Amino acid sequence: MLKIGIILGSVREGRNGEQVAQWVYDFAKNRGDADYELVDLKDYNLPLLGASVPENDRVQVTEVIDAWKEKIASFDGYIFVAPEYNHAVGGALKNALDYLNPELNDKAAGFVGYGSLGGVRAHENLRLILGELQVADVRTALTFSLMSDFENFSVFKPADYHAANASELFDQVIKWSGALKAIR
């Protein structure tokens, strides 16, 4: 069975991403077509790539980085749940991806975004970043608007039509993940 990681790509305090990622994970689990796992970037506390690390913290930081790489390498494909900040993907997710390369090669990814315009510009950024990392991204994406899919911009209440897009997104990620597994 394919193993698909649902990556929550925000570490911001008070983030809306937890609700979105949980909805995506619950939707995925009900499909029964893959082994899905929700991975919260906040659990890894990755330092900025290239930043100096105090000598007494180096072993612990190396262990965190290695755990992140190992977790991501364990998947056949990904669903990235990404906020849009300032017309781009959030810095924490970009930083986390910068630690990776062979762990992602020849795998598939889909996108779930949220923001004032549904996170579409974060998706555009992710397509460029993941293309460099040899990840095949799928066409269908989920876009949740802060205006219409959140009550008071904070309580996630997605419109019913998102379920059809979610099904198509997962169908595409499963299909491409299976195909790419054959070449790894």
N, C-alpha and C. Protein backbone atom coordinates (compact mmCIF):
# COMPACT_ATOMS: atom_id res chain seq x y z
N MET A 1 0.85 -1.18 0.00
CA MET A 1 0.00 0.00 0.00
C MET A 1 0.89 1.24 0.00
N LEU A 2 0.50 2.24 -0.77
CA LEU A 2 1.26 3.48 -0.82
C LEU A 2 1.16 4.22 0.50
N LYS A 3 2.22 4.95 0.80
CA LYS A 3 2.28 5.75 2.02
C LYS A 3 2.32 7.22 1.62
N ILE A 4 1.32 7.98 2.04
CA ILE A 4 1.19 9.39 1.65
C ILE A 4 1.26 10.26 2.90
N GLY A 5 2.17 11.22 2.88
CA GLY A 5 2.31 12.17 3.98
C GLY A 5 1.49 13.42 3.73
N ILE A 6 0.71 13.80 4.71
CA ILE A 6 -0.02 15.07 4.66
C ILE A 6 0.78 16.02 5.55
N ILE A 7 1.46 16.96 4.90
CA ILE A 7 2.43 17.81 5.59
C ILE A 7 1.78 19.15 5.93
N LEU A 8 1.65 19.43 7.22
CA LEU A 8 1.14 20.72 7.69
C LEU A 8 2.31 21.69 7.70
N GLY A 9 2.29 22.62 6.75
CA GLY A 9 3.46 23.48 6.50
C GLY A 9 3.45 24.83 7.15
N SER A 10 2.82 24.98 8.29
CA SER A 10 2.84 26.24 9.03
C SER A 10 3.22 25.97 10.47
N VAL A 11 4.00 26.86 11.04
CA VAL A 11 4.36 26.75 12.45
C VAL A 11 3.88 27.98 13.24
N ARG A 12 3.15 28.82 12.56
CA ARG A 12 2.70 30.09 13.14
C ARG A 12 1.78 29.87 14.34
N GLU A 13 1.95 30.68 15.35
CA GLU A 13 1.07 30.65 16.52
C GLU A 13 -0.34 31.04 16.08
N GLY A 14 -1.36 30.29 16.51
CA GLY A 14 -2.74 30.59 16.15
C GLY A 14 -3.09 30.25 14.71
N ARG A 15 -2.33 29.39 14.10
CA ARG A 15 -2.51 29.04 12.68
C ARG A 15 -3.85 28.35 12.42
N ASN A 16 -4.39 28.61 11.24
CA ASN A 16 -5.61 27.94 10.79
C ASN A 16 -5.31 26.58 10.18
N GLY A 17 -4.05 26.34 9.89
CA GLY A 17 -3.66 25.13 9.19
C GLY A 17 -3.99 23.84 9.91
N GLU A 18 -4.01 23.86 11.23
CA GLU A 18 -4.32 22.62 11.97
C GLU A 18 -5.71 22.11 11.61
N GLN A 19 -6.68 23.01 11.54
CA GLN A 19 -8.05 22.60 11.20
C GLN A 19 -8.12 22.08 9.77
N VAL A 20 -7.44 22.77 8.86
CA VAL A 20 -7.45 22.37 7.46
C VAL A 20 -6.78 21.01 7.30
N ALA A 21 -5.61 20.85 7.91
CA ALA A 21 -4.87 19.58 7.80
C ALA A 21 -5.66 18.43 8.40
N GLN A 22 -6.34 18.67 9.51
CA GLN A 22 -7.14 17.61 10.13
C GLN A 22 -8.30 17.21 9.23
N TRP A 23 -8.94 18.19 8.58
CA TRP A 23 -10.03 17.89 7.64
C TRP A 23 -9.50 17.05 6.48
N VAL A 24 -8.35 17.44 5.93
CA VAL A 24 -7.74 16.70 4.82
C VAL A 24 -7.38 15.29 5.26
N TYR A 25 -6.79 15.15 6.43
CA TYR A 25 -6.41 13.83 6.94
C TYR A 25 -7.64 12.94 7.15
N ASP A 26 -8.67 13.48 7.76
CA ASP A 26 -9.90 12.70 7.98
C ASP A 26 -10.52 12.28 6.65
N PHE A 27 -10.53 13.18 5.68
CA PHE A 27 -11.05 12.86 4.36
C PHE A 27 -10.24 11.72 3.75
N ALA A 28 -8.93 11.81 3.85
CA ALA A 28 -8.04 10.79 3.27
C ALA A 28 -8.23 9.44 3.93
N LYS A 29 -8.28 9.40 5.24
CA LYS A 29 -8.43 8.13 5.96
C LYS A 29 -9.70 7.40 5.53
N ASN A 30 -10.75 8.13 5.27
CA ASN A 30 -12.03 7.52 4.88
C ASN A 30 -11.97 6.89 3.49
N ARG A 31 -10.98 7.24 2.70
CA ARG A 31 -10.85 6.67 1.35
C ARG A 31 -10.36 5.23 1.40
N GLY A 32 -9.44 4.91 2.31
CA GLY A 32 -8.94 3.55 2.46
C GLY A 32 -8.06 3.06 1.32
N ASP A 33 -7.52 3.97 0.51
CA ASP A 33 -6.73 3.56 -0.65
C ASP A 33 -5.23 3.70 -0.46
N ALA A 34 -4.80 4.19 0.70
CA ALA A 34 -3.38 4.36 1.00
C ALA A 34 -3.23 4.48 2.52
N ASP A 35 -1.99 4.42 2.94
CA ASP A 35 -1.67 4.65 4.35
C ASP A 35 -1.32 6.13 4.47
N TYR A 36 -2.19 6.91 5.12
CA TYR A 36 -2.01 8.35 5.25
C TYR A 36 -1.49 8.69 6.64
N GLU A 37 -0.59 9.66 6.68
CA GLU A 37 -0.06 10.12 7.97
C GLU A 37 0.01 11.64 7.96
N LEU A 38 -0.46 12.25 9.03
CA LEU A 38 -0.40 13.69 9.20
C LEU A 38 0.93 14.04 9.87
N VAL A 39 1.71 14.89 9.23
CA VAL A 39 3.01 15.31 9.75
C VAL A 39 2.97 16.82 9.97
N ASP A 40 3.18 17.24 11.20
CA ASP A 40 3.15 18.65 11.56
C ASP A 40 4.57 19.19 11.61
N LEU A 41 4.86 20.13 10.74
CA LEU A 41 6.20 20.74 10.68
C LEU A 41 6.61 21.32 12.02
N LYS A 42 5.63 21.77 12.80
CA LYS A 42 5.90 22.36 14.11
C LYS A 42 6.59 21.36 15.05
N ASP A 43 6.38 20.07 14.84
CA ASP A 43 6.98 19.05 15.70
C ASP A 43 8.49 18.90 15.49
N TYR A 44 9.02 19.50 14.44
CA TYR A 44 10.44 19.31 14.13
C TYR A 44 11.33 20.48 14.53
N ASN A 45 10.80 21.66 14.68
CA ASN A 45 11.57 22.81 15.15
C ASN A 45 12.92 22.94 14.42
N LEU A 46 12.85 22.94 13.10
CA LEU A 46 14.06 23.03 12.29
C LEU A 46 14.67 24.43 12.36
N PRO A 47 15.98 24.51 12.52
CA PRO A 47 16.63 25.83 12.50
C PRO A 47 16.67 26.35 11.07
N LEU A 48 16.90 27.63 10.91
CA LEU A 48 17.07 28.17 9.56
C LEU A 48 18.29 27.51 8.94
N LEU A 49 18.12 27.07 7.71
CA LEU A 49 19.21 26.40 7.01
C LEU A 49 20.40 27.34 6.91
N GLY A 50 21.55 26.88 7.37
CA GLY A 50 22.77 27.67 7.31
C GLY A 50 23.03 28.55 8.51
N ALA A 51 22.06 28.67 9.42
CA ALA A 51 22.26 29.49 10.62
C ALA A 51 23.24 28.79 11.55
N SER A 52 24.01 29.57 12.27
CA SER A 52 24.94 28.96 13.21
C SER A 52 24.17 28.38 14.39
N VAL A 53 24.65 27.26 14.85
CA VAL A 53 24.03 26.55 15.97
C VAL A 53 25.06 26.47 17.09
N PRO A 54 24.69 26.86 18.30
CA PRO A 54 25.63 26.76 19.42
C PRO A 54 26.18 25.34 19.56
N GLU A 55 27.42 25.24 19.92
CA GLU A 55 28.12 23.95 20.01
C GLU A 55 27.35 22.93 20.85
N ASN A 56 26.80 23.36 21.98
CA ASN A 56 26.10 22.42 22.87
C ASN A 56 24.74 21.97 22.32
N ASP A 57 24.24 22.60 21.23
CA ASP A 57 22.96 22.22 20.63
C ASP A 57 23.12 21.43 19.34
N ARG A 58 24.33 21.27 18.86
CA ARG A 58 24.55 20.69 17.53
C ARG A 58 24.06 19.25 17.41
N VAL A 59 24.29 18.44 18.42
CA VAL A 59 23.86 17.04 18.35
C VAL A 59 22.33 16.98 18.27
N GLN A 60 21.67 17.74 19.13
CA GLN A 60 20.21 17.74 19.13
C GLN A 60 19.66 18.26 17.80
N VAL A 61 20.23 19.32 17.26
CA VAL A 61 19.77 19.88 15.99
C VAL A 61 19.99 18.88 14.86
N THR A 62 21.12 18.21 14.87
CA THR A 62 21.39 17.19 13.85
C THR A 62 20.36 16.06 13.94
N GLU A 63 20.00 15.66 15.14
CA GLU A 63 18.99 14.61 15.32
C GLU A 63 17.63 15.05 14.78
N VAL A 64 17.26 16.31 15.00
CA VAL A 64 15.99 16.83 14.51
C VAL A 64 15.99 16.85 12.98
N ILE A 65 17.06 17.32 12.38
CA ILE A 65 17.17 17.36 10.93
C ILE A 65 17.12 15.95 10.35
N ASP A 66 17.84 15.03 10.95
CA ASP A 66 17.83 13.64 10.48
C ASP A 66 16.45 13.01 10.61
N ALA A 67 15.75 13.32 11.70
CA ALA A 67 14.39 12.79 11.90
C ALA A 67 13.45 13.33 10.82
N TRP A 68 13.57 14.61 10.48
CA TRP A 68 12.77 15.23 9.43
C TRP A 68 13.03 14.54 8.08
N LYS A 69 14.30 14.38 7.76
CA LYS A 69 14.66 13.74 6.48
C LYS A 69 14.14 12.30 6.42
N GLU A 70 14.30 11.58 7.51
CA GLU A 70 13.85 10.18 7.55
C GLU A 70 12.33 10.08 7.41
N LYS A 71 11.62 10.97 8.09
CA LYS A 71 10.15 10.95 8.01
C LYS A 71 9.70 11.22 6.58
N ILE A 72 10.24 12.24 5.95
CA ILE A 72 9.83 12.60 4.60
C ILE A 72 10.23 11.52 3.60
N ALA A 73 11.39 10.91 3.78
CA ALA A 73 11.84 9.84 2.87
C ALA A 73 10.93 8.63 2.95
N SER A 74 10.22 8.44 4.04
CA SER A 74 9.40 7.25 4.23
C SER A 74 8.12 7.24 3.39
N PHE A 75 7.79 8.36 2.75
CA PHE A 75 6.54 8.46 2.00
C PHE A 75 6.76 8.25 0.50
N ASP A 76 5.68 7.78 -0.15
CA ASP A 76 5.66 7.64 -1.61
C ASP A 76 5.12 8.89 -2.29
N GLY A 77 4.40 9.70 -1.56
CA GLY A 77 3.82 10.92 -2.11
C GLY A 77 3.39 11.84 -0.97
N TYR A 78 2.96 13.04 -1.35
CA TYR A 78 2.69 14.07 -0.35
C TYR A 78 1.48 14.91 -0.72
N ILE A 79 0.82 15.40 0.32
CA ILE A 79 -0.16 16.47 0.20
C ILE A 79 0.38 17.57 1.11
N PHE A 80 0.73 18.70 0.53
CA PHE A 80 1.25 19.82 1.31
C PHE A 80 0.11 20.77 1.63
N VAL A 81 -0.13 20.99 2.92
CA VAL A 81 -1.13 21.94 3.39
C VAL A 81 -0.36 23.22 3.71
N ALA A 82 -0.56 24.23 2.86
CA ALA A 82 0.29 25.41 2.93
C ALA A 82 -0.52 26.70 2.99
N PRO A 83 -0.20 27.56 3.94
CA PRO A 83 -0.81 28.89 3.94
C PRO A 83 -0.13 29.76 2.89
N GLU A 84 -0.81 30.83 2.53
CA GLU A 84 -0.17 31.83 1.68
C GLU A 84 0.13 33.05 2.54
N TYR A 85 1.40 33.38 2.61
CA TYR A 85 1.84 34.57 3.33
C TYR A 85 2.52 35.50 2.33
N ASN A 86 2.05 36.73 2.23
CA ASN A 86 2.68 37.72 1.35
C ASN A 86 2.87 37.21 -0.07
N HIS A 87 1.84 36.60 -0.62
CA HIS A 87 1.83 36.11 -2.00
C HIS A 87 2.83 34.98 -2.23
N ALA A 88 3.15 34.21 -1.20
CA ALA A 88 4.13 33.14 -1.34
C ALA A 88 3.88 32.06 -0.30
N VAL A 89 4.62 30.97 -0.44
CA VAL A 89 4.60 29.91 0.55
C VAL A 89 5.26 30.43 1.83
N GLY A 90 4.82 29.94 2.97
CA GLY A 90 5.39 30.38 4.24
C GLY A 90 6.86 30.00 4.38
N GLY A 91 7.60 30.80 5.09
CA GLY A 91 9.03 30.61 5.26
C GLY A 91 9.41 29.30 5.93
N ALA A 92 8.59 28.86 6.88
CA ALA A 92 8.93 27.62 7.60
C ALA A 92 8.90 26.42 6.67
N LEU A 93 7.91 26.36 5.77
CA LEU A 93 7.84 25.24 4.83
C LEU A 93 8.97 25.32 3.82
N LYS A 94 9.26 26.51 3.33
CA LYS A 94 10.37 26.67 2.38
C LYS A 94 11.67 26.22 3.04
N ASN A 95 11.91 26.63 4.26
CA ASN A 95 13.11 26.24 4.99
C ASN A 95 13.18 24.73 5.16
N ALA A 96 12.06 24.11 5.51
CA ALA A 96 12.03 22.65 5.71
C ALA A 96 12.33 21.92 4.41
N LEU A 97 11.81 22.42 3.30
CA LEU A 97 12.08 21.80 2.00
C LEU A 97 13.54 21.95 1.60
N ASP A 98 14.17 23.04 2.03
CA ASP A 98 15.58 23.26 1.69
C ASP A 98 16.50 22.22 2.33
N TYR A 99 16.06 21.56 3.36
CA TYR A 99 16.84 20.49 3.98
C TYR A 99 16.78 19.18 3.19
N LEU A 100 15.88 19.12 2.21
CA LEU A 100 15.60 17.86 1.51
C LEU A 100 16.08 17.91 0.07
N ASN A 101 16.36 16.76 -0.48
CA ASN A 101 16.54 16.60 -1.91
C ASN A 101 16.28 15.15 -2.29
N PRO A 102 17.24 14.25 -2.04
CA PRO A 102 16.98 12.86 -2.48
C PRO A 102 15.77 12.24 -1.79
N GLU A 103 15.40 12.74 -0.63
CA GLU A 103 14.25 12.20 0.09
C GLU A 103 12.95 12.40 -0.69
N LEU A 104 12.92 13.40 -1.56
CA LEU A 104 11.72 13.75 -2.32
C LEU A 104 11.76 13.30 -3.77
N ASN A 105 12.92 13.02 -4.29
CA ASN A 105 13.08 12.73 -5.72
C ASN A 105 12.15 11.63 -6.20
N ASP A 106 11.57 11.85 -7.38
CA ASP A 106 10.73 10.87 -8.07
C ASP A 106 9.50 10.47 -7.26
N LYS A 107 8.89 11.46 -6.63
CA LYS A 107 7.65 11.25 -5.89
C LYS A 107 6.62 12.27 -6.38
N ALA A 108 5.39 12.13 -5.95
CA ALA A 108 4.31 13.02 -6.38
C ALA A 108 3.81 13.86 -5.22
N ALA A 109 3.25 15.02 -5.57
CA ALA A 109 2.71 15.91 -4.54
C ALA A 109 1.46 16.62 -5.03
N GLY A 110 0.58 16.87 -4.09
CA GLY A 110 -0.61 17.68 -4.32
C GLY A 110 -0.63 18.79 -3.29
N PHE A 111 -1.48 19.80 -3.54
CA PHE A 111 -1.47 20.98 -2.70
C PHE A 111 -2.85 21.31 -2.15
N VAL A 112 -2.84 21.71 -0.89
CA VAL A 112 -4.02 22.25 -0.22
C VAL A 112 -3.58 23.60 0.32
N GLY A 113 -4.30 24.64 -0.07
CA GLY A 113 -3.92 25.98 0.38
C GLY A 113 -5.05 26.66 1.09
N TYR A 114 -4.67 27.67 1.87
CA TYR A 114 -5.67 28.50 2.51
C TYR A 114 -5.10 29.90 2.64
N GLY A 115 -5.98 30.86 2.52
CA GLY A 115 -5.60 32.27 2.58
C GLY A 115 -6.70 33.10 1.97
N SER A 116 -6.41 34.37 1.78
CA SER A 116 -7.44 35.26 1.24
C SER A 116 -7.87 34.83 -0.16
N LEU A 117 -6.95 34.29 -0.95
CA LEU A 117 -7.28 33.78 -2.29
C LEU A 117 -7.10 32.27 -2.37
N GLY A 118 -7.21 31.60 -1.25
CA GLY A 118 -7.15 30.14 -1.24
C GLY A 118 -5.75 29.54 -1.29
N GLY A 119 -4.75 30.37 -1.20
CA GLY A 119 -3.38 29.86 -1.20
C GLY A 119 -2.81 29.55 -2.57
N VAL A 120 -3.43 30.04 -3.63
CA VAL A 120 -2.98 29.67 -4.98
C VAL A 120 -1.56 30.14 -5.28
N ARG A 121 -1.15 31.26 -4.74
CA ARG A 121 0.22 31.72 -5.00
C ARG A 121 1.24 30.89 -4.23
N ALA A 122 0.84 30.37 -3.09
CA ALA A 122 1.71 29.42 -2.39
C ALA A 122 1.88 28.16 -3.23
N HIS A 123 0.80 27.73 -3.88
CA HIS A 123 0.88 26.56 -4.78
C HIS A 123 1.85 26.84 -5.92
N GLU A 124 1.77 28.04 -6.49
CA GLU A 124 2.68 28.40 -7.58
C GLU A 124 4.13 28.30 -7.12
N ASN A 125 4.41 28.83 -5.93
CA ASN A 125 5.77 28.75 -5.38
C ASN A 125 6.19 27.31 -5.16
N LEU A 126 5.30 26.51 -4.60
CA LEU A 126 5.63 25.11 -4.33
C LEU A 126 5.91 24.34 -5.61
N ARG A 127 5.18 24.64 -6.67
CA ARG A 127 5.44 23.97 -7.95
C ARG A 127 6.87 24.23 -8.42
N LEU A 128 7.35 25.45 -8.28
CA LEU A 128 8.72 25.79 -8.68
C LEU A 128 9.75 25.10 -7.78
N ILE A 129 9.53 25.17 -6.49
CA ILE A 129 10.47 24.57 -5.53
C ILE A 129 10.55 23.06 -5.72
N LEU A 130 9.37 22.42 -5.79
CA LEU A 130 9.34 20.96 -5.89
C LEU A 130 9.81 20.47 -7.26
N GLY A 131 9.64 21.28 -8.28
CA GLY A 131 10.17 20.91 -9.59
C GLY A 131 11.69 20.76 -9.53
N GLU A 132 12.34 21.65 -8.81
CA GLU A 132 13.80 21.56 -8.64
C GLU A 132 14.19 20.32 -7.85
N LEU A 133 13.29 19.85 -7.00
CA LEU A 133 13.56 18.68 -6.17
C LEU A 133 13.05 17.38 -6.83
N GLN A 134 12.71 17.47 -8.10
CA GLN A 134 12.28 16.31 -8.90
C GLN A 134 11.01 15.65 -8.36
N VAL A 135 10.07 16.51 -7.97
CA VAL A 135 8.76 16.04 -7.50
C VAL A 135 7.74 16.39 -8.57
N ALA A 136 6.91 15.43 -8.94
CA ALA A 136 5.84 15.65 -9.91
C ALA A 136 4.60 16.14 -9.15
N ASP A 137 4.16 17.35 -9.47
CA ASP A 137 2.97 17.85 -8.80
C ASP A 137 1.74 17.63 -9.68
N VAL A 138 0.62 17.40 -9.04
CA VAL A 138 -0.62 17.11 -9.76
C VAL A 138 -1.39 18.40 -10.02
N ARG A 139 -2.30 18.32 -10.96
CA ARG A 139 -3.05 19.51 -11.40
C ARG A 139 -4.06 20.00 -10.37
N THR A 140 -4.89 19.10 -9.86
CA THR A 140 -5.98 19.50 -8.97
C THR A 140 -5.45 19.89 -7.61
N ALA A 141 -5.98 20.97 -7.08
CA ALA A 141 -5.59 21.45 -5.76
C ALA A 141 -6.83 21.87 -4.99
N LEU A 142 -6.71 21.90 -3.69
CA LEU A 142 -7.77 22.42 -2.83
C LEU A 142 -7.40 23.83 -2.42
N THR A 143 -8.35 24.75 -2.53
CA THR A 143 -8.10 26.14 -2.18
C THR A 143 -9.20 26.63 -1.24
N PHE A 144 -8.84 26.86 0.00
CA PHE A 144 -9.80 27.30 1.00
C PHE A 144 -9.62 28.79 1.25
N SER A 145 -10.71 29.52 1.13
CA SER A 145 -10.68 30.97 1.30
C SER A 145 -10.98 31.35 2.75
N LEU A 146 -10.20 32.28 3.26
CA LEU A 146 -10.46 32.80 4.60
C LEU A 146 -11.81 33.50 4.66
N MET A 147 -12.28 34.01 3.51
CA MET A 147 -13.54 34.75 3.48
C MET A 147 -14.77 33.84 3.51
N SER A 148 -14.69 32.70 2.80
CA SER A 148 -15.90 31.88 2.67
C SER A 148 -15.82 30.50 3.33
N ASP A 149 -14.62 30.03 3.65
CA ASP A 149 -14.48 28.70 4.26
C ASP A 149 -14.12 28.75 5.74
N PHE A 150 -14.04 29.94 6.28
CA PHE A 150 -13.76 30.13 7.70
C PHE A 150 -14.77 31.11 8.28
N GLU A 151 -15.32 30.76 9.43
CA GLU A 151 -16.20 31.68 10.14
C GLU A 151 -15.32 32.60 10.98
N ASN A 152 -15.52 33.89 10.84
CA ASN A 152 -14.71 34.89 11.55
C ASN A 152 -13.21 34.72 11.28
N PHE A 153 -12.88 34.23 10.11
CA PHE A 153 -11.49 34.03 9.67
C PHE A 153 -10.71 33.04 10.53
N SER A 154 -11.41 32.28 11.38
CA SER A 154 -10.67 31.40 12.28
C SER A 154 -11.28 30.01 12.49
N VAL A 155 -12.56 29.84 12.27
CA VAL A 155 -13.21 28.54 12.48
C VAL A 155 -13.46 27.92 11.10
N PHE A 156 -12.83 26.80 10.84
CA PHE A 156 -12.88 26.17 9.53
C PHE A 156 -14.23 25.52 9.28
N LYS A 157 -14.92 25.98 8.27
CA LYS A 157 -16.21 25.43 7.85
C LYS A 157 -16.23 25.39 6.32
N PRO A 158 -15.56 24.37 5.76
CA PRO A 158 -15.43 24.32 4.30
C PRO A 158 -16.76 24.06 3.60
N ALA A 159 -16.89 24.67 2.44
CA ALA A 159 -18.08 24.44 1.62
C ALA A 159 -18.11 22.99 1.15
N ASP A 160 -19.29 22.46 0.93
CA ASP A 160 -19.47 21.06 0.55
C ASP A 160 -18.77 20.70 -0.76
N TYR A 161 -18.69 21.65 -1.69
CA TYR A 161 -18.11 21.33 -3.00
C TYR A 161 -16.64 20.95 -2.93
N HIS A 162 -15.96 21.26 -1.84
CA HIS A 162 -14.54 20.91 -1.71
C HIS A 162 -14.32 19.39 -1.71
N ALA A 163 -15.30 18.62 -1.32
CA ALA A 163 -15.15 17.16 -1.27
C ALA A 163 -14.86 16.59 -2.66
N ALA A 164 -15.51 17.10 -3.69
CA ALA A 164 -15.26 16.61 -5.05
C ALA A 164 -13.83 16.92 -5.48
N ASN A 165 -13.37 18.13 -5.19
CA ASN A 165 -11.98 18.48 -5.51
C ASN A 165 -11.00 17.63 -4.72
N ALA A 166 -11.33 17.37 -3.45
CA ALA A 166 -10.45 16.54 -2.63
C ALA A 166 -10.34 15.14 -3.21
N SER A 167 -11.43 14.58 -3.65
CA SER A 167 -11.40 13.24 -4.26
C SER A 167 -10.50 13.23 -5.49
N GLU A 168 -10.66 14.21 -6.33
CA GLU A 168 -9.83 14.30 -7.54
C GLU A 168 -8.35 14.49 -7.19
N LEU A 169 -8.08 15.34 -6.22
CA LEU A 169 -6.70 15.57 -5.77
C LEU A 169 -6.06 14.27 -5.30
N PHE A 170 -6.76 13.54 -4.44
CA PHE A 170 -6.21 12.29 -3.92
C PHE A 170 -6.09 11.24 -5.01
N ASP A 171 -7.06 11.17 -5.92
CA ASP A 171 -6.96 10.22 -7.04
C ASP A 171 -5.68 10.47 -7.83
N GLN A 172 -5.39 11.73 -8.11
CA GLN A 172 -4.21 12.07 -8.90
C GLN A 172 -2.92 11.78 -8.13
N VAL A 173 -2.87 12.12 -6.87
CA VAL A 173 -1.66 11.87 -6.07
C VAL A 173 -1.40 10.37 -5.96
N ILE A 174 -2.45 9.58 -5.75
CA ILE A 174 -2.30 8.12 -5.66
C ILE A 174 -1.79 7.55 -6.98
N LYS A 175 -2.40 7.99 -8.07
CA LYS A 175 -2.01 7.48 -9.39
C LYS A 175 -0.53 7.80 -9.69
N TRP A 176 -0.14 9.04 -9.49
CA TRP A 176 1.23 9.44 -9.79
C TRP A 176 2.24 8.84 -8.80
N SER A 177 1.85 8.74 -7.54
CA SER A 177 2.75 8.12 -6.55
C SER A 177 3.03 6.68 -6.89
N GLY A 178 2.00 5.95 -7.31
CA GLY A 178 2.17 4.55 -7.71
C GLY A 178 3.06 4.42 -8.94
N ALA A 179 2.83 5.28 -9.92
CA ALA A 179 3.63 5.23 -11.15
C ALA A 179 5.10 5.55 -10.87
N LEU A 180 5.34 6.56 -10.04
CA LEU A 180 6.71 6.97 -9.76
C LEU A 180 7.44 5.98 -8.85
N LYS A 181 6.69 5.26 -8.05
CA LYS A 181 7.33 4.24 -7.19
C LYS A 181 8.04 3.20 -8.04
N ALA A 182 7.50 2.94 -9.20
CA ALA A 182 8.09 1.94 -10.10
C ALA A 182 9.48 2.33 -10.61
N ILE A 183 9.80 3.62 -10.60
CA ILE A 183 11.13 4.03 -11.10
C ILE A 183 12.13 4.32 -9.98
N ARG A 184 11.69 4.24 -8.74
CA ARG A 184 12.63 4.52 -7.64
C ARG A 184 13.38 3.27 -7.25
